[in-house]
Amino acid sequence: MKSVAALLLVGMLLLWTELPTGSSWSCPHIQITCAMVNPPNRCFTDRQCPRFQKCCPSFCGRRCLSRRSSLPI
């Protein structure tokens, strides 16, 4: 019985580590992109951004955006 509980706990921990760390908001849609062949990226994943920010495609490359800066004005 203890081994079943241990396996269940390990399985739950593995699933928990695979969950996305961001919030429910998504990156804004980019309508225009720059003409650079390899634009510089300031991030590649959400984990490289400060708390409450996401790594999103921007006009030219990827960068960290907060929810507030992603809303239309």
Protein backbone atom coordinates (compact mmCIF):
# COMPACT_ATOMS: atom_id res chain seq x y z
CA MET A 1 0.00 0.00 0.00
CA LYS A 2 2.86 2.38 0.79
CA SER A 3 4.44 1.77 -2.63
CA VAL A 4 1.15 2.66 -4.38
CA ALA A 5 0.95 5.91 -2.44
CA ALA A 6 4.59 6.70 -3.22
CA LEU A 7 4.05 6.03 -6.94
CA LEU A 8 0.95 8.21 -6.92
CA LEU A 9 2.86 11.02 -5.23
CA VAL A 10 5.72 10.78 -7.74
CA GLY A 11 3.24 10.80 -10.63
CA MET A 12 1.49 13.88 -9.28
CA LEU A 13 4.82 15.67 -8.83
CA LEU A 14 5.81 14.87 -12.41
CA LEU A 15 2.52 16.23 -13.72
CA TRP A 16 2.84 19.34 -11.56
CA THR A 17 6.29 20.14 -12.97
CA GLU A 18 4.90 19.96 -16.51
CA LEU A 19 2.15 22.53 -15.87
CA PRO A 20 2.63 25.96 -17.48
CA THR A 21 3.97 28.58 -15.10
CA GLY A 22 2.34 31.58 -16.76
CA SER A 23 -1.08 33.02 -16.19
CA SER A 24 -4.20 32.64 -18.30
CA TRP A 25 -3.55 35.63 -20.55
CA SER A 26 -1.94 35.14 -23.91
CA CYS A 27 0.55 37.15 -25.93
CA PRO A 28 -0.82 39.94 -28.13
CA HIS A 29 -1.14 39.34 -31.86
CA ILE A 30 1.64 40.96 -33.89
CA GLN A 31 0.48 42.38 -37.20
CA ILE A 32 3.77 43.82 -38.48
CA THR A 33 7.22 42.25 -38.18
CA CYS A 34 10.63 43.72 -38.80
CA ALA A 35 12.68 42.91 -41.88
CA MET A 36 15.69 41.57 -39.97
CA VAL A 37 16.63 38.00 -40.88
CA ASN A 38 17.50 37.02 -37.28
CA PRO A 39 15.96 39.58 -34.92
CA PRO A 40 17.49 39.65 -31.42
CA ASN A 41 15.52 37.74 -28.78
CA ARG A 42 15.61 38.97 -25.21
CA CYS A 43 13.98 35.76 -23.97
CA PHE A 44 13.07 32.30 -25.20
CA THR A 45 10.76 30.99 -22.44
CA ASP A 46 8.50 32.48 -19.76
CA ARG A 47 10.93 31.31 -17.09
CA GLN A 48 13.53 33.80 -18.35
CA CYS A 49 11.15 36.70 -17.63
CA PRO A 50 10.47 38.44 -14.32
CA ARG A 51 7.48 37.33 -12.30
CA PHE A 52 4.05 38.04 -13.87
CA GLN A 53 5.57 38.51 -17.33
CA LYS A 54 5.57 36.28 -20.41
CA CYS A 55 8.05 35.81 -23.22
CA CYS A 56 6.12 36.95 -26.28
CA PRO A 57 6.90 37.68 -29.91
CA SER A 58 7.18 41.41 -30.46
CA PHE A 59 7.63 43.65 -33.47
CA CYS A 60 11.24 42.53 -33.78
CA GLY A 61 12.25 39.44 -31.78
CA ARG A 62 10.89 38.03 -28.52
CA ARG A 63 10.77 40.00 -25.27
CA CYS A 64 9.19 39.90 -21.82
CA LEU A 65 5.79 41.56 -21.62
CA SER A 66 3.56 42.26 -18.67
CA ARG A 67 -0.19 41.95 -18.98
CA ARG A 68 -0.58 45.70 -18.72
CA SER A 69 1.77 46.39 -21.66
CA SER A 70 0.05 43.80 -23.85
CA LEU A 71 -3.41 45.42 -23.65
CA PRO A 72 -4.41 47.81 -26.45
CA ILE A 73 -4.51 51.48 -25.53
